[in-house]
Amino acid sequence: MKKTLPTLDDTGWLQDPKLLAGKLFKYFKNSQYSQSTIYYGSITSFDKIVKEYYDNDDLLKEELESSLKTLYLRYYDKVDVEVTITEKKHDGDRKVVRIINIGLVLTKDKEIINLSNTIDFTIDDLDKERSIYE
């Protein structure tokens, strides 16, 4: 039996491996760690991981890879995750932009899906009271 992902939009129940891959990443990127009372502490949230490990690239990379692998293994047979973290300095305003590149290779019933995403933000975006995407 295929695993399905329920959605709260007009998509309904997702089973297509390609669509599911993108939707899972969107949920991971936009979810808040404490958005549910029932599942409090069990929601995989990019925002929380970045806030918690911002000052340690090795732990940040490790936690992102581990969390994504755990999330995607619920729906795929095999999951390979690669995370790279770089910084870019803006000379004009002296802000440092953190750039996180995430690459996923997912296998489901012999179908291989490649997914990649780049997320960038500054230290000013890491307000403890809000998401870095607001």
N, C-alpha and C. Protein backbone atom coordinates (compact mmCIF):
# COMPACT_ATOMS: atom_id res chain seq x y z
N MET A 1 0.83 -1.19 0.00
CA MET A 1 0.00 0.00 0.00
C MET A 1 0.88 1.26 0.00
N LYS A 2 0.52 2.21 -0.84
CA LYS A 2 1.28 3.45 -0.91
C LYS A 2 1.00 4.32 0.31
N LYS A 3 2.06 4.97 0.79
CA LYS A 3 1.89 5.92 1.87
C LYS A 3 1.33 7.21 1.27
N THR A 4 0.43 7.82 1.99
CA THR A 4 -0.16 9.07 1.51
C THR A 4 0.14 10.20 2.49
N LEU A 5 0.15 11.39 1.95
CA LEU A 5 0.37 12.59 2.75
C LEU A 5 -0.90 13.44 2.68
N PRO A 6 -1.57 13.63 3.81
CA PRO A 6 -2.76 14.49 3.79
C PRO A 6 -2.35 15.95 3.69
N THR A 7 -3.11 16.71 2.94
CA THR A 7 -2.83 18.14 2.82
C THR A 7 -4.06 18.92 3.26
N LEU A 8 -3.87 20.17 3.56
CA LEU A 8 -4.98 21.02 3.98
C LEU A 8 -5.43 21.96 2.87
N ASP A 9 -4.97 21.68 1.65
CA ASP A 9 -5.40 22.50 0.53
C ASP A 9 -6.23 21.62 -0.42
N ASP A 10 -6.51 22.12 -1.61
CA ASP A 10 -7.36 21.37 -2.54
C ASP A 10 -6.66 20.19 -3.19
N THR A 11 -5.38 19.95 -2.86
CA THR A 11 -4.65 18.80 -3.38
C THR A 11 -5.21 17.50 -2.79
N GLY A 12 -5.64 17.56 -1.55
CA GLY A 12 -6.17 16.36 -0.90
C GLY A 12 -5.06 15.44 -0.44
N TRP A 13 -5.21 14.15 -0.71
CA TRP A 13 -4.24 13.14 -0.30
C TRP A 13 -3.21 12.94 -1.40
N LEU A 14 -1.94 13.14 -1.08
CA LEU A 14 -0.86 13.00 -2.07
C LEU A 14 -0.25 11.61 -2.02
N GLN A 15 -0.11 10.99 -3.19
CA GLN A 15 0.59 9.72 -3.29
C GLN A 15 1.70 9.77 -4.33
N ASP A 16 1.62 10.68 -5.28
CA ASP A 16 2.62 10.80 -6.33
C ASP A 16 3.97 11.16 -5.70
N PRO A 17 4.99 10.32 -5.87
CA PRO A 17 6.29 10.54 -5.20
C PRO A 17 6.93 11.90 -5.51
N LYS A 18 6.79 12.40 -6.74
CA LYS A 18 7.39 13.69 -7.09
C LYS A 18 6.68 14.85 -6.40
N LEU A 19 5.36 14.84 -6.43
CA LEU A 19 4.60 15.90 -5.77
C LEU A 19 4.78 15.85 -4.26
N LEU A 20 4.81 14.64 -3.74
CA LEU A 20 4.97 14.44 -2.30
C LEU A 20 6.32 14.99 -1.82
N ALA A 21 7.37 14.80 -2.61
CA ALA A 21 8.71 15.28 -2.23
C ALA A 21 8.72 16.78 -2.03
N GLY A 22 8.13 17.52 -2.97
CA GLY A 22 8.09 18.97 -2.87
C GLY A 22 7.22 19.46 -1.73
N LYS A 23 6.08 18.81 -1.54
CA LYS A 23 5.16 19.21 -0.47
C LYS A 23 5.78 18.97 0.91
N LEU A 24 6.46 17.84 1.07
CA LEU A 24 7.13 17.56 2.36
C LEU A 24 8.17 18.63 2.67
N PHE A 25 8.93 19.04 1.64
CA PHE A 25 9.95 20.06 1.88
C PHE A 25 9.30 21.39 2.24
N LYS A 26 8.21 21.72 1.57
CA LYS A 26 7.49 22.96 1.90
C LYS A 26 7.01 22.93 3.35
N TYR A 27 6.46 21.80 3.78
CA TYR A 27 6.01 21.67 5.17
C TYR A 27 7.19 21.80 6.14
N PHE A 28 8.30 21.15 5.82
CA PHE A 28 9.50 21.21 6.66
C PHE A 28 9.97 22.66 6.80
N LYS A 29 10.01 23.37 5.71
CA LYS A 29 10.52 24.74 5.71
C LYS A 29 9.59 25.72 6.43
N ASN A 30 8.28 25.49 6.35
CA ASN A 30 7.32 26.46 6.88
C ASN A 30 6.71 26.09 8.22
N SER A 31 6.92 24.89 8.69
CA SER A 31 6.28 24.47 9.94
C SER A 31 6.95 25.11 11.15
N GLN A 32 6.16 25.23 12.20
CA GLN A 32 6.66 25.73 13.47
C GLN A 32 6.68 24.58 14.47
N TYR A 33 7.74 24.49 15.22
CA TYR A 33 7.96 23.41 16.18
C TYR A 33 6.79 23.25 17.14
N SER A 34 6.19 24.35 17.55
CA SER A 34 5.14 24.31 18.57
C SER A 34 3.75 24.56 18.00
N GLN A 35 3.53 24.27 16.72
CA GLN A 35 2.25 24.59 16.11
C GLN A 35 1.13 23.61 16.48
N SER A 36 1.45 22.55 17.19
CA SER A 36 0.44 21.56 17.56
C SER A 36 0.57 21.20 19.03
N THR A 37 -0.54 21.12 19.70
CA THR A 37 -0.53 20.69 21.10
C THR A 37 -0.34 19.18 21.18
N ILE A 38 -1.04 18.46 20.34
CA ILE A 38 -0.97 16.99 20.36
C ILE A 38 0.42 16.50 19.99
N TYR A 39 1.02 17.11 18.96
CA TYR A 39 2.33 16.65 18.46
C TYR A 39 3.47 17.57 18.90
N TYR A 40 3.26 18.31 19.97
CA TYR A 40 4.28 19.25 20.44
C TYR A 40 5.62 18.52 20.64
N GLY A 41 6.65 19.05 20.04
CA GLY A 41 7.97 18.45 20.15
C GLY A 41 8.28 17.42 19.09
N SER A 42 7.28 17.05 18.30
CA SER A 42 7.48 16.02 17.27
C SER A 42 7.44 16.58 15.86
N ILE A 43 7.26 17.87 15.72
CA ILE A 43 7.17 18.47 14.39
C ILE A 43 8.57 18.86 13.93
N THR A 44 8.91 18.42 12.74
CA THR A 44 10.22 18.72 12.16
C THR A 44 10.16 20.13 11.56
N SER A 45 10.96 21.04 12.10
CA SER A 45 10.88 22.44 11.72
C SER A 45 12.28 23.00 11.38
N PHE A 46 12.44 23.43 10.14
CA PHE A 46 13.69 24.07 9.71
C PHE A 46 13.99 25.27 10.60
N ASP A 47 12.97 26.07 10.85
CA ASP A 47 13.11 27.28 11.64
C ASP A 47 13.72 26.99 13.02
N LYS A 48 13.20 25.99 13.70
CA LYS A 48 13.69 25.65 15.04
C LYS A 48 15.12 25.12 14.98
N ILE A 49 15.41 24.27 14.01
CA ILE A 49 16.76 23.70 13.89
C ILE A 49 17.77 24.81 13.67
N VAL A 50 17.46 25.74 12.78
CA VAL A 50 18.39 26.84 12.49
C VAL A 50 18.59 27.72 13.72
N LYS A 51 17.52 28.03 14.42
CA LYS A 51 17.65 28.86 15.62
C LYS A 51 18.47 28.17 16.70
N GLU A 52 18.31 26.86 16.83
CA GLU A 52 19.00 26.11 17.88
C GLU A 52 20.49 25.90 17.58
N TYR A 53 20.85 25.71 16.33
CA TYR A 53 22.23 25.36 15.98
C TYR A 53 22.92 26.42 15.11
N TYR A 54 22.41 27.62 15.10
CA TYR A 54 22.94 28.67 14.23
C TYR A 54 24.44 28.89 14.39
N ASP A 55 24.93 28.82 15.60
CA ASP A 55 26.34 29.13 15.87
C ASP A 55 27.30 27.95 15.66
N ASN A 56 26.79 26.79 15.26
CA ASN A 56 27.64 25.62 15.08
C ASN A 56 27.28 24.93 13.77
N ASP A 57 28.04 25.24 12.72
CA ASP A 57 27.75 24.70 11.39
C ASP A 57 27.75 23.18 11.34
N ASP A 58 28.65 22.55 12.07
CA ASP A 58 28.71 21.09 12.05
C ASP A 58 27.44 20.47 12.62
N LEU A 59 27.00 20.98 13.77
CA LEU A 59 25.76 20.47 14.38
C LEU A 59 24.53 20.84 13.55
N LEU A 60 24.53 22.03 12.97
CA LEU A 60 23.43 22.46 12.13
C LEU A 60 23.29 21.53 10.93
N LYS A 61 24.39 21.27 10.28
CA LYS A 61 24.40 20.35 9.12
C LYS A 61 23.93 18.96 9.52
N GLU A 62 24.46 18.46 10.61
CA GLU A 62 24.12 17.11 11.10
C GLU A 62 22.63 17.01 11.44
N GLU A 63 22.11 18.01 12.13
CA GLU A 63 20.70 17.99 12.54
C GLU A 63 19.76 18.13 11.34
N LEU A 64 20.10 18.99 10.39
CA LEU A 64 19.28 19.13 9.19
C LEU A 64 19.25 17.81 8.41
N GLU A 65 20.42 17.21 8.22
CA GLU A 65 20.48 15.94 7.47
C GLU A 65 19.70 14.85 8.18
N SER A 66 19.88 14.73 9.47
CA SER A 66 19.20 13.70 10.25
C SER A 66 17.68 13.89 10.24
N SER A 67 17.24 15.12 10.44
CA SER A 67 15.80 15.41 10.48
C SER A 67 15.14 15.16 9.13
N LEU A 68 15.80 15.60 8.06
CA LEU A 68 15.23 15.38 6.73
C LEU A 68 15.20 13.90 6.37
N LYS A 69 16.24 13.18 6.73
CA LYS A 69 16.27 11.75 6.44
C LYS A 69 15.13 11.04 7.18
N THR A 70 14.94 11.36 8.45
CA THR A 70 13.86 10.76 9.23
C THR A 70 12.50 11.09 8.63
N LEU A 71 12.30 12.35 8.25
CA LEU A 71 11.04 12.79 7.67
C LEU A 71 10.74 12.05 6.36
N TYR A 72 11.70 12.01 5.46
CA TYR A 72 11.47 11.42 4.14
C TYR A 72 11.42 9.90 4.15
N LEU A 73 12.08 9.27 5.11
CA LEU A 73 12.03 7.80 5.18
C LEU A 73 10.63 7.29 5.54
N ARG A 74 9.77 8.15 6.01
CA ARG A 74 8.37 7.76 6.26
C ARG A 74 7.64 7.46 4.95
N TYR A 75 8.15 8.03 3.84
CA TYR A 75 7.44 7.93 2.56
C TYR A 75 8.27 7.31 1.43
N TYR A 76 9.58 7.22 1.61
CA TYR A 76 10.46 6.73 0.55
C TYR A 76 11.28 5.53 1.03
N ASP A 77 11.69 4.69 0.08
CA ASP A 77 12.46 3.50 0.41
C ASP A 77 13.90 3.83 0.79
N LYS A 78 14.47 4.81 0.11
CA LYS A 78 15.85 5.20 0.36
C LYS A 78 15.95 6.71 0.27
N VAL A 79 16.74 7.30 1.18
CA VAL A 79 16.89 8.75 1.23
C VAL A 79 18.37 9.10 1.44
N ASP A 80 18.91 9.92 0.55
CA ASP A 80 20.26 10.47 0.73
C ASP A 80 20.12 11.98 0.84
N VAL A 81 20.75 12.56 1.86
CA VAL A 81 20.64 14.00 2.11
C VAL A 81 22.04 14.58 2.17
N GLU A 82 22.22 15.72 1.52
CA GLU A 82 23.48 16.45 1.62
C GLU A 82 23.18 17.91 1.89
N VAL A 83 23.79 18.43 2.95
CA VAL A 83 23.60 19.83 3.34
C VAL A 83 24.96 20.52 3.31
N THR A 84 25.00 21.69 2.70
CA THR A 84 26.21 22.54 2.75
C THR A 84 25.79 23.90 3.28
N ILE A 85 26.69 24.49 4.05
CA ILE A 85 26.42 25.80 4.66
C ILE A 85 27.57 26.73 4.31
N THR A 86 27.23 27.88 3.76
CA THR A 86 28.24 28.88 3.43
C THR A 86 27.77 30.24 3.92
N GLU A 87 28.69 31.19 3.91
CA GLU A 87 28.37 32.56 4.29
C GLU A 87 28.82 33.51 3.20
N LYS A 88 28.09 34.59 3.07
CA LYS A 88 28.43 35.62 2.10
C LYS A 88 28.26 36.96 2.80
N LYS A 89 29.28 37.79 2.73
CA LYS A 89 29.23 39.09 3.40
C LYS A 89 28.82 40.16 2.40
N HIS A 90 27.89 41.01 2.86
CA HIS A 90 27.49 42.17 2.08
C HIS A 90 28.30 43.36 2.56
N ASP A 91 29.08 43.95 1.69
CA ASP A 91 29.95 45.05 2.08
C ASP A 91 29.18 46.30 2.49
N GLY A 92 28.09 46.59 1.81
CA GLY A 92 27.35 47.81 2.07
C GLY A 92 26.79 47.90 3.47
N ASP A 93 26.13 46.87 3.94
CA ASP A 93 25.51 46.93 5.26
C ASP A 93 26.19 46.03 6.28
N ARG A 94 27.25 45.37 5.90
CA ARG A 94 28.07 44.51 6.77
C ARG A 94 27.30 43.32 7.37
N LYS A 95 26.21 42.94 6.74
CA LYS A 95 25.47 41.78 7.21
C LYS A 95 26.04 40.51 6.58
N VAL A 96 26.01 39.45 7.36
CA VAL A 96 26.46 38.16 6.87
C VAL A 96 25.22 37.34 6.52
N VAL A 97 25.18 36.86 5.30
CA VAL A 97 24.07 36.03 4.84
C VAL A 97 24.51 34.58 4.92
N ARG A 98 23.75 33.76 5.64
CA ARG A 98 23.99 32.32 5.71
C ARG A 98 23.24 31.68 4.56
N ILE A 99 23.89 30.79 3.85
CA ILE A 99 23.28 30.10 2.72
C ILE A 99 23.33 28.61 3.00
N ILE A 100 22.16 27.99 3.04
CA ILE A 100 22.07 26.55 3.27
C ILE A 100 21.55 25.90 2.00
N ASN A 101 22.35 25.02 1.44
CA ASN A 101 21.96 24.24 0.27
C ASN A 101 21.60 22.84 0.73
N ILE A 102 20.42 22.38 0.33
CA ILE A 102 19.95 21.05 0.72
C ILE A 102 19.68 20.25 -0.54
N GLY A 103 20.31 19.09 -0.63
CA GLY A 103 20.09 18.20 -1.76
C GLY A 103 19.55 16.87 -1.26
N LEU A 104 18.51 16.38 -1.91
CA LEU A 104 17.90 15.10 -1.55
C LEU A 104 17.85 14.20 -2.78
N VAL A 105 18.21 12.93 -2.59
CA VAL A 105 18.01 11.91 -3.61
C VAL A 105 17.10 10.87 -2.97
N LEU A 106 15.91 10.75 -3.52
CA LEU A 106 14.87 9.90 -2.95
C LEU A 106 14.57 8.74 -3.89
N THR A 107 14.38 7.56 -3.34
CA THR A 107 14.03 6.40 -4.14
C THR A 107 12.72 5.81 -3.63
N LYS A 108 11.79 5.61 -4.57
CA LYS A 108 10.49 5.01 -4.24
C LYS A 108 10.11 4.08 -5.39
N ASP A 109 10.01 2.79 -5.07
CA ASP A 109 9.65 1.78 -6.09
C ASP A 109 10.51 1.91 -7.34
N LYS A 110 11.80 2.01 -7.17
CA LYS A 110 12.80 2.10 -8.25
C LYS A 110 12.79 3.44 -8.99
N GLU A 111 11.93 4.36 -8.60
CA GLU A 111 11.92 5.70 -9.20
C GLU A 111 12.83 6.59 -8.35
N ILE A 112 13.72 7.32 -9.02
CA ILE A 112 14.66 8.21 -8.33
C ILE A 112 14.23 9.66 -8.54
N ILE A 113 14.15 10.38 -7.44
CA ILE A 113 13.72 11.78 -7.46
C ILE A 113 14.83 12.63 -6.85
N ASN A 114 15.25 13.66 -7.57
CA ASN A 114 16.25 14.60 -7.06
C ASN A 114 15.54 15.90 -6.69
N LEU A 115 15.86 16.39 -5.52
CA LEU A 115 15.25 17.62 -5.03
C LEU A 115 16.35 18.46 -4.41
N SER A 116 16.38 19.74 -4.74
CA SER A 116 17.36 20.63 -4.11
C SER A 116 16.70 21.96 -3.80
N ASN A 117 17.23 22.60 -2.78
CA ASN A 117 16.68 23.88 -2.34
C ASN A 117 17.79 24.69 -1.69
N THR A 118 17.76 25.98 -1.91
CA THR A 118 18.70 26.90 -1.28
C THR A 118 17.91 27.89 -0.44
N ILE A 119 18.34 28.04 0.81
CA ILE A 119 17.67 28.95 1.73
C ILE A 119 18.73 29.90 2.27
N ASP A 120 18.46 31.19 2.19
CA ASP A 120 19.42 32.16 2.73
C ASP A 120 18.72 33.12 3.70
N PHE A 121 19.49 33.58 4.68
CA PHE A 121 18.95 34.45 5.72
C PHE A 121 20.10 35.12 6.45
N THR A 122 19.78 36.16 7.23
CA THR A 122 20.78 36.84 8.05
C THR A 122 20.48 36.58 9.52
N ILE A 123 21.41 36.94 10.36
CA ILE A 123 21.22 36.80 11.81
C ILE A 123 20.00 37.60 12.27
N ASP A 124 19.73 38.72 11.62
CA ASP A 124 18.57 39.54 11.98
C ASP A 124 17.26 38.81 11.73
N ASP A 125 17.26 37.83 10.84
CA ASP A 125 16.06 37.06 10.54
C ASP A 125 15.73 36.06 11.64
N LEU A 126 16.65 35.82 12.55
CA LEU A 126 16.47 34.79 13.57
C LEU A 126 15.85 35.30 14.85
N ASP A 127 14.86 36.12 14.73
CA ASP A 127 14.10 36.59 15.89
C ASP A 127 13.45 35.38 16.55
N LYS A 128 13.68 35.22 17.83
CA LYS A 128 13.18 34.04 18.56
C LYS A 128 11.65 33.98 18.61
N GLU A 129 10.99 35.10 18.35
CA GLU A 129 9.54 35.13 18.48
C GLU A 129 8.80 34.91 17.17
N ARG A 130 9.51 34.80 16.05
CA ARG A 130 8.81 34.64 14.78
C ARG A 130 9.60 33.74 13.85
N SER A 131 8.97 33.32 12.80
CA SER A 131 9.62 32.49 11.80
C SER A 131 10.57 33.34 10.97
N ILE A 132 11.61 32.74 10.42
CA ILE A 132 12.51 33.49 9.55
C ILE A 132 11.87 33.73 8.19
N TYR A 133 10.65 33.23 7.96
CA TYR A 133 9.95 33.42 6.69
C TYR A 133 8.83 34.42 6.76
N GLU A 134 8.60 35.03 7.90
CA GLU A 134 7.51 36.01 7.99
C GLU A 134 7.90 37.30 7.34
